[in-house]
Amino acid sequence: MFGGLAIWAIEFAWAARLLHWVRRQVRNFTQMMKRLHWSLRAASSVAVIAVLLSIAWLWVKHQYGFETLSQFWEYITTH
């Protein structure tokens, strides 16, 4: 996503301004995370991973109709 925005920023002023804003936000977020205690950073990382895995599972469940992880695992091991 950032690569595409960077390419657009070469051509469009609005994309350059947006890219600058996004970079500033990412830098600020990174600095904020560096100031947190390591346990809070770890908890935040675990929470983000849990959300991403939940989204991935819901997509797989919706796309392929698996109701349980055992059905999914059976499909993977037999195909």
PDB file of N, CA and C in Angstrom:
ATOM      1  N   MET A   1       0.821  -1.176   0.000  1.00  0.00           N
ATOM      2  CA  MET A   1       0.000   0.000   0.000  1.00  0.00           C
ATOM      3  C   MET A   1       0.879   1.260   0.000  1.00  0.00           C
ATOM      4  N   PHE A   2       1.901   1.260   0.852  1.00  0.00           N
ATOM      5  CA  PHE A   2       2.757   2.441   0.911  1.00  0.00           C
ATOM      6  C   PHE A   2       3.550   2.601  -0.378  1.00  0.00           C
ATOM      7  N   GLY A   3       3.923   1.489  -0.999  1.00  0.00           N
ATOM      8  CA  GLY A   3       4.650   1.564  -2.262  1.00  0.00           C
ATOM      9  C   GLY A   3       3.809   2.194  -3.347  1.00  0.00           C
ATOM     10  N   GLY A   4       2.558   1.803  -3.428  1.00  0.00           N
ATOM     11  CA  GLY A   4       1.651   2.387  -4.410  1.00  0.00           C
ATOM     12  C   GLY A   4       1.442   3.869  -4.168  1.00  0.00           C
ATOM     13  N   LEU A   5       1.302   4.220  -2.901  1.00  0.00           N
ATOM     14  CA  LEU A   5       1.140   5.633  -2.565  1.00  0.00           C
ATOM     15  C   LEU A   5       2.394   6.425  -2.928  1.00  0.00           C
ATOM     16  N   ALA A   6       3.572   5.820  -2.717  1.00  0.00           N
ATOM     17  CA  ALA A   6       4.826   6.495  -3.074  1.00  0.00           C
ATOM     18  C   ALA A   6       4.917   6.719  -4.576  1.00  0.00           C
ATOM     19  N   ILE A   7       4.464   5.763  -5.348  1.00  0.00           N
ATOM     20  CA  ILE A   7       4.473   5.921  -6.806  1.00  0.00           C
ATOM     21  C   ILE A   7       3.528   7.045  -7.215  1.00  0.00           C
ATOM     22  N   TRP A   8       2.335   7.072  -6.611  1.00  0.00           N
ATOM     23  CA  TRP A   8       1.389   8.149  -6.917  1.00  0.00           C
ATOM     24  C   TRP A   8       1.937   9.501  -6.485  1.00  0.00           C
ATOM     25  N   ALA A   9       2.720   9.519  -5.387  1.00  0.00           N
ATOM     26  CA  ALA A   9       3.256  10.781  -4.873  1.00  0.00           C
ATOM     27  C   ALA A   9       4.211  11.439  -5.863  1.00  0.00           C
ATOM     28  N   ILE A  10       4.793  10.660  -6.742  1.00  0.00           N
ATOM     29  CA  ILE A  10       5.657  11.224  -7.780  1.00  0.00           C
ATOM     30  C   ILE A  10       4.834  12.105  -8.720  1.00  0.00           C
ATOM     31  N   GLU A  11       3.616  11.697  -8.962  1.00  0.00           N
ATOM     32  CA  GLU A  11       2.781  12.349  -9.968  1.00  0.00           C
ATOM     33  C   GLU A  11       1.774  13.347  -9.385  1.00  0.00           C
ATOM     34  N   PHE A  12       1.249  13.065  -8.185  1.00  0.00           N
ATOM     35  CA  PHE A  12       0.151  13.865  -7.638  1.00  0.00           C
ATOM     36  C   PHE A  12       0.556  14.518  -6.323  1.00  0.00           C
ATOM     37  N   ALA A  13       0.250  15.809  -6.199  1.00  0.00           N
ATOM     38  CA  ALA A  13       0.592  16.552  -4.983  1.00  0.00           C
ATOM     39  C   ALA A  13      -0.196  16.038  -3.778  1.00  0.00           C
ATOM     40  N   TRP A  14      -1.473  15.700  -3.978  1.00  0.00           N
ATOM     41  CA  TRP A  14      -2.281  15.208  -2.861  1.00  0.00           C
ATOM     42  C   TRP A  14      -1.714  13.906  -2.316  1.00  0.00           C
ATOM     43  N   ALA A  15      -1.184  13.053  -3.190  1.00  0.00           N
ATOM     44  CA  ALA A  15      -0.598  11.788  -2.739  1.00  0.00           C
ATOM     45  C   ALA A  15       0.702  12.037  -1.979  1.00  0.00           C
ATOM     46  N   ALA A  16       1.459  13.034  -2.391  1.00  0.00           N
ATOM     47  CA  ALA A  16       2.688  13.374  -1.673  1.00  0.00           C
ATOM     48  C   ALA A  16       2.366  13.875  -0.268  1.00  0.00           C
ATOM     49  N   ARG A  17       1.322  14.726  -0.167  1.00  0.00           N
ATOM     50  CA  ARG A  17       0.917  15.212   1.154  1.00  0.00           C
ATOM     51  C   ARG A  17       0.409  14.061   2.023  1.00  0.00           C
ATOM     52  N   LEU A  18      -0.367  13.159   1.450  1.00  0.00           N
ATOM     53  CA  LEU A  18      -0.875  12.007   2.194  1.00  0.00           C
ATOM     54  C   LEU A  18       0.264  11.093   2.634  1.00  0.00           C
ATOM     55  N   LEU A  19       1.221  10.860   1.767  1.00  0.00           N
ATOM     56  CA  LEU A  19       2.364  10.023   2.110  1.00  0.00           C
ATOM     57  C   LEU A  19       3.169  10.644   3.243  1.00  0.00           C
ATOM     58  N   HIS A  20       3.366  11.955   3.196  1.00  0.00           N
ATOM     59  CA  HIS A  20       4.078  12.653   4.268  1.00  0.00           C
ATOM     60  C   HIS A  20       3.326  12.494   5.586  1.00  0.00           C
ATOM     61  N   TRP A  21       2.004  12.659   5.560  1.00  0.00           N
ATOM     62  CA  TRP A  21       1.183  12.517   6.768  1.00  0.00           C
ATOM     63  C   TRP A  21       1.259  11.101   7.323  1.00  0.00           C
ATOM     64  N   VAL A  22       1.167  10.097   6.442  1.00  0.00           N
ATOM     65  CA  VAL A  22       1.231   8.700   6.879  1.00  0.00           C
ATOM     66  C   VAL A  22       2.589   8.404   7.507  1.00  0.00           C
ATOM     67  N   ARG A  23       3.649   8.868   6.885  1.00  0.00           N
ATOM     68  CA  ARG A  23       4.989   8.651   7.445  1.00  0.00           C
ATOM     69  C   ARG A  23       5.123   9.285   8.829  1.00  0.00           C
ATOM     70  N   ARG A  24       4.572  10.474   8.987  1.00  0.00           N
ATOM     71  CA  ARG A  24       4.628  11.153  10.274  1.00  0.00           C
ATOM     72  C   ARG A  24       3.840  10.363  11.335  1.00  0.00           C
ATOM     73  N   GLN A  25       2.671   9.853  10.956  1.00  0.00           N
ATOM     74  CA  GLN A  25       1.861   9.079  11.896  1.00  0.00           C
ATOM     75  C   GLN A  25       2.565   7.789  12.301  1.00  0.00           C
ATOM     76  N   VAL A  26       3.172   7.114  11.344  1.00  0.00           N
ATOM     77  CA  VAL A  26       3.904   5.878  11.651  1.00  0.00           C
ATOM     78  C   VAL A  26       5.089   6.181  12.560  1.00  0.00           C
ATOM     79  N   ARG A  27       5.805   7.259  12.293  1.00  0.00           N
ATOM     80  CA  ARG A  27       6.945   7.650  13.133  1.00  0.00           C
ATOM     81  C   ARG A  27       6.473   7.957  14.557  1.00  0.00           C
ATOM     82  N   ASN A  28       5.379   8.696  14.699  1.00  0.00           N
ATOM     83  CA  ASN A  28       4.842   9.013  16.023  1.00  0.00           C
ATOM     84  C   ASN A  28       4.395   7.744  16.755  1.00  0.00           C
ATOM     85  N   PHE A  29       3.745   6.841  16.050  1.00  0.00           N
ATOM     86  CA  PHE A  29       3.301   5.596  16.665  1.00  0.00           C
ATOM     87  C   PHE A  29       4.498   4.765  17.112  1.00  0.00           C
ATOM     88  N   THR A  30       5.526   4.721  16.284  1.00  0.00           N
ATOM     89  CA  THR A  30       6.730   3.966  16.633  1.00  0.00           C
ATOM     90  C   THR A  30       7.387   4.544  17.879  1.00  0.00           C
ATOM     91  N   GLN A  31       7.485   5.862  17.954  1.00  0.00           N
ATOM     92  CA  GLN A  31       8.071   6.497  19.130  1.00  0.00           C
ATOM     93  C   GLN A  31       7.237   6.216  20.378  1.00  0.00           C
ATOM     94  N   MET A  32       5.910   6.248  20.246  1.00  0.00           N
ATOM     95  CA  MET A  32       5.043   5.959  21.375  1.00  0.00           C
ATOM     96  C   MET A  32       5.249   4.527  21.864  1.00  0.00           C
ATOM     97  N   MET A  33       5.343   3.588  20.931  1.00  0.00           N
ATOM     98  CA  MET A  33       5.527   2.184  21.307  1.00  0.00           C
ATOM     99  C   MET A  33       6.887   1.966  21.971  1.00  0.00           C
ATOM    100  N   LYS A  34       7.910   2.705  21.537  1.00  0.00           N
ATOM    101  CA  LYS A  34       9.235   2.575  22.144  1.00  0.00           C
ATOM    102  C   LYS A  34       9.236   3.047  23.600  1.00  0.00           C
ATOM    103  N   ARG A  35       8.374   3.998  23.922  1.00  0.00           N
ATOM    104  CA  ARG A  35       8.322   4.522  25.289  1.00  0.00           C
ATOM    105  C   ARG A  35       7.580   3.579  26.239  1.00  0.00           C
ATOM    106  N   LEU A  36       6.783   2.654  25.704  1.00  0.00           N
ATOM    107  CA  LEU A  36       6.029   1.740  26.558  1.00  0.00           C
ATOM    108  C   LEU A  36       6.931   0.683  27.178  1.00  0.00           C
ATOM    109  N   HIS A  37       6.495   0.166  28.308  1.00  0.00           N
ATOM    110  CA  HIS A  37       7.196  -0.943  28.957  1.00  0.00           C
ATOM    111  C   HIS A  37       7.149  -2.153  28.030  1.00  0.00           C
ATOM    112  N   TRP A  38       8.163  -3.004  28.102  1.00  0.00           N
ATOM    113  CA  TRP A  38       8.247  -4.149  27.181  1.00  0.00           C
ATOM    114  C   TRP A  38       7.038  -5.063  27.314  1.00  0.00           C
ATOM    115  N   SER A  39       6.465  -5.190  28.504  1.00  0.00           N
ATOM    116  CA  SER A  39       5.315  -6.076  28.681  1.00  0.00           C
ATOM    117  C   SER A  39       4.087  -5.533  27.959  1.00  0.00           C
ATOM    118  N   LEU A  40       3.921  -4.215  27.931  1.00  0.00           N
ATOM    119  CA  LEU A  40       2.805  -3.628  27.194  1.00  0.00           C
ATOM    120  C   LEU A  40       3.000  -3.767  25.689  1.00  0.00           C
ATOM    121  N   ARG A  41       4.246  -3.637  25.236  1.00  0.00           N
ATOM    122  CA  ARG A  41       4.527  -3.854  23.810  1.00  0.00           C
ATOM    123  C   ARG A  41       4.218  -5.290  23.428  1.00  0.00           C
ATOM    124  N   ALA A  42       4.605  -6.251  24.293  1.00  0.00           N
ATOM    125  CA  ALA A  42       4.342  -7.664  24.009  1.00  0.00           C
ATOM    126  C   ALA A  42       2.845  -7.929  23.991  1.00  0.00           C
ATOM    127  N   ALA A  43       2.122  -7.363  24.951  1.00  0.00           N
ATOM    128  CA  ALA A  43       0.668  -7.558  24.999  1.00  0.00           C
ATOM    129  C   ALA A  43      -0.001  -6.959  23.767  1.00  0.00           C
ATOM    130  N   SER A  44       0.479  -5.800  23.335  1.00  0.00           N
ATOM    131  CA  SER A  44      -0.071  -5.179  22.126  1.00  0.00           C
ATOM    132  C   SER A  44       0.189  -6.053  20.905  1.00  0.00           C
ATOM    133  N   SER A  45       1.379  -6.610  20.825  1.00  0.00           N
ATOM    134  CA  SER A  45       1.711  -7.484  19.697  1.00  0.00           C
ATOM    135  C   SER A  45       0.833  -8.727  19.688  1.00  0.00           C
ATOM    136  N   VAL A  46       0.627  -9.327  20.847  1.00  0.00           N
ATOM    137  CA  VAL A  46      -0.226 -10.515  20.942  1.00  0.00           C
ATOM    138  C   VAL A  46      -1.656 -10.165  20.539  1.00  0.00           C
ATOM    139  N   ALA A  47      -2.142  -9.004  20.968  1.00  0.00           N
ATOM    140  CA  ALA A  47      -3.494  -8.586  20.619  1.00  0.00           C
ATOM    141  C   ALA A  47      -3.643  -8.383  19.112  1.00  0.00           C
ATOM    142  N   VAL A  48      -2.654  -7.758  18.489  1.00  0.00           N
ATOM    143  CA  VAL A  48      -2.714  -7.537  17.038  1.00  0.00           C
ATOM    144  C   VAL A  48      -2.682  -8.873  16.300  1.00  0.00           C
ATOM    145  N   ILE A  49      -1.832  -9.782  16.737  1.00  0.00           N
ATOM    146  CA  ILE A  49      -1.758 -11.103  16.103  1.00  0.00           C
ATOM    147  C   ILE A  49      -3.073 -11.843  16.268  1.00  0.00           C
ATOM    148  N   ALA A  50      -3.691 -11.750  17.449  1.00  0.00           N
ATOM    149  CA  ALA A  50      -4.976 -12.413  17.674  1.00  0.00           C
ATOM    150  C   ALA A  50      -6.055 -11.856  16.755  1.00  0.00           C
ATOM    151  N   VAL A  51      -6.083 -10.550  16.580  1.00  0.00           N
ATOM    152  CA  VAL A  51      -7.076  -9.935  15.681  1.00  0.00           C
ATOM    153  C   VAL A  51      -6.842 -10.378  14.246  1.00  0.00           C
ATOM    154  N   LEU A  52      -5.585 -10.381  13.803  1.00  0.00           N
ATOM    155  CA  LEU A  52      -5.290 -10.794  12.427  1.00  0.00           C
ATOM    156  C   LEU A  52      -5.636 -12.259  12.189  1.00  0.00           C
ATOM    157  N   LEU A  53      -5.331 -13.130  13.155  1.00  0.00           N
ATOM    158  CA  LEU A  53      -5.691 -14.544  13.016  1.00  0.00           C
ATOM    159  C   LEU A  53      -7.206 -14.732  13.008  1.00  0.00           C
ATOM    160  N   SER A  54      -7.917 -13.957  13.806  1.00  0.00           N
ATOM    161  CA  SER A  54      -9.380 -14.041  13.814  1.00  0.00           C
ATOM    162  C   SER A  54      -9.963 -13.624  12.467  1.00  0.00           C
ATOM    163  N   ILE A  55      -9.429 -12.554  11.909  1.00  0.00           N
ATOM    164  CA  ILE A  55      -9.896 -12.099  10.598  1.00  0.00           C
ATOM    165  C   ILE A  55      -9.593 -13.153   9.544  1.00  0.00           C
ATOM    166  N   ALA A  56      -8.389 -13.739   9.589  1.00  0.00           N
ATOM    167  CA  ALA A  56      -8.029 -14.782   8.621  1.00  0.00           C
ATOM    168  C   ALA A  56      -8.945 -15.989   8.764  1.00  0.00           C
ATOM    169  N   TRP A  57      -9.234 -16.391  10.007  1.00  0.00           N
ATOM    170  CA  TRP A  57     -10.109 -17.548  10.211  1.00  0.00           C
ATOM    171  C   TRP A  57     -11.521 -17.256   9.710  1.00  0.00           C
ATOM    172  N   LEU A  58     -12.039 -16.081   9.994  1.00  0.00           N
ATOM    173  CA  LEU A  58     -13.386 -15.753   9.520  1.00  0.00           C
ATOM    174  C   LEU A  58     -13.436 -15.734   7.999  1.00  0.00           C
ATOM    175  N   TRP A  59     -12.369 -15.268   7.355  1.00  0.00           N
ATOM    176  CA  TRP A  59     -12.343 -15.270   5.899  1.00  0.00           C
ATOM    177  C   TRP A  59     -12.345 -16.694   5.367  1.00  0.00           C
ATOM    178  N   VAL A  60     -11.502 -17.565   5.956  1.00  0.00           N
ATOM    179  CA  VAL A  60     -11.448 -18.962   5.514  1.00  0.00           C
ATOM    180  C   VAL A  60     -12.789 -19.640   5.754  1.00  0.00           C
ATOM    181  N   LYS A  61     -13.374 -19.398   6.913  1.00  0.00           N
ATOM    182  CA  LYS A  61     -14.671 -19.998   7.242  1.00  0.00           C
ATOM    183  C   LYS A  61     -15.737 -19.559   6.241  1.00  0.00           C
ATOM    184  N   HIS A  62     -15.758 -18.274   5.929  1.00  0.00           N
ATOM    185  CA  HIS A  62     -16.752 -17.762   4.985  1.00  0.00           C
ATOM    186  C   HIS A  62     -16.464 -18.238   3.557  1.00  0.00           C
ATOM    187  N   GLN A  63     -15.216 -18.220   3.160  1.00  0.00           N
ATOM    188  CA  GLN A  63     -14.843 -18.561   1.785  1.00  0.00           C
ATOM    189  C   GLN A  63     -15.050 -20.039   1.477  1.00  0.00           C
ATOM    190  N   TYR A  64     -14.671 -20.910   2.425  1.00  0.00           N
ATOM    191  CA  TYR A  64     -14.674 -22.338   2.142  1.00  0.00           C
ATOM    192  C   TYR A  64     -15.704 -23.122   2.938  1.00  0.00           C
ATOM    193  N   GLY A  65     -16.385 -22.492   3.871  1.00  0.00           N
ATOM    194  CA  GLY A  65     -17.462 -23.138   4.594  1.00  0.00           C
ATOM    195  C   GLY A  65     -17.015 -24.063   5.714  1.00  0.00           C
ATOM    196  N   PHE A  66     -15.824 -23.903   6.238  1.00  0.00           N
ATOM    197  CA  PHE A  66     -15.363 -24.731   7.350  1.00  0.00           C
ATOM    198  C   PHE A  66     -15.982 -24.209   8.647  1.00  0.00           C
ATOM    199  N   GLU A  67     -16.531 -25.115   9.447  1.00  0.00           N
ATOM    200  CA  GLU A  67     -17.112 -24.720  10.723  1.00  0.00           C
ATOM    201  C   GLU A  67     -16.119 -24.863  11.868  1.00  0.00           C
ATOM    202  N   THR A  68     -15.203 -25.810  11.761  1.00  0.00           N
ATOM    203  CA  THR A  68     -14.247 -26.040  12.845  1.00  0.00           C
ATOM    204  C   THR A  68     -12.837 -26.124  12.278  1.00  0.00           C
ATOM    205  N   LEU A  69     -11.876 -25.991  13.159  1.00  0.00           N
ATOM    206  CA  LEU A  69     -10.483 -26.124  12.736  1.00  0.00           C
ATOM    207  C   LEU A  69     -10.166 -27.552  12.305  1.00  0.00           C
ATOM    208  N   SER A  70     -10.860 -28.536  12.886  1.00  0.00           N
ATOM    209  CA  SER A  70     -10.591 -29.921  12.494  1.00  0.00           C
ATOM    210  C   SER A  70     -11.013 -30.165  11.044  1.00  0.00           C
ATOM    211  N   GLN A  71     -12.104 -29.568  10.604  1.00  0.00           N
ATOM    212  CA  GLN A  71     -12.499 -29.683   9.199  1.00  0.00           C
ATOM    213  C   GLN A  71     -11.451 -29.035   8.296  1.00  0.00           C
ATOM    214  N   PHE A  72     -10.976 -27.899   8.699  1.00  0.00           N
ATOM    215  CA  PHE A  72      -9.961 -27.197   7.932  1.00  0.00           C
ATOM    216  C   PHE A  72      -8.676 -28.022   7.856  1.00  0.00           C
ATOM    217  N   TRP A  73      -8.245 -28.572   8.995  1.00  0.00           N
ATOM    218  CA  TRP A  73      -7.032 -29.376   9.035  1.00  0.00           C
ATOM    219  C   TRP A  73      -7.184 -30.640   8.193  1.00  0.00           C
ATOM    220  N   GLU A  74      -8.347 -31.271   8.244  1.00  0.00           N
ATOM    221  CA  GLU A  74      -8.606 -32.467   7.419  1.00  0.00           C
ATOM    222  C   GLU A  74      -8.514 -32.134   5.938  1.00  0.00           C
ATOM    223  N   TYR A  75      -9.083 -30.997   5.557  1.00  0.00           N
ATOM    224  CA  TYR A  75      -9.014 -30.572   4.158  1.00  0.00           C
ATOM    225  C   TYR A  75      -7.564 -30.348   3.722  1.00  0.00           C
ATOM    226  N   ILE A  76      -6.794 -29.680   4.571  1.00  0.00           N
ATOM    227  CA  ILE A  76      -5.405 -29.391   4.230  1.00  0.00           C
ATOM    228  C   ILE A  76      -4.600 -30.678   4.093  1.00  0.00           C
ATOM    229  N   THR A  77      -4.788 -31.625   4.993  1.00  0.00           N
ATOM    230  CA  THR A  77      -3.990 -32.847   4.979  1.00  0.00           C
ATOM    231  C   THR A  77      -4.402 -33.829   3.879  1.00  0.00           C
ATOM    232  N   THR A  78      -5.606 -33.696   3.345  1.00  0.00           N
ATOM    233  CA  THR A  78      -6.051 -34.633   2.312  1.00  0.00           C
ATOM    234  C   THR A  78      -5.966 -34.054   0.899  1.00  0.00           C
ATOM    235  N   HIS A  79      -5.660 -32.805   0.764  1.00  0.00           N
ATOM    236  CA  HIS A  79      -5.594 -32.216  -0.587  1.00  0.00           C
ATOM    237  C   HIS A  79      -4.215 -31.748  -0.902  1.00  0.00           C
TER     238      HIS A  79
END
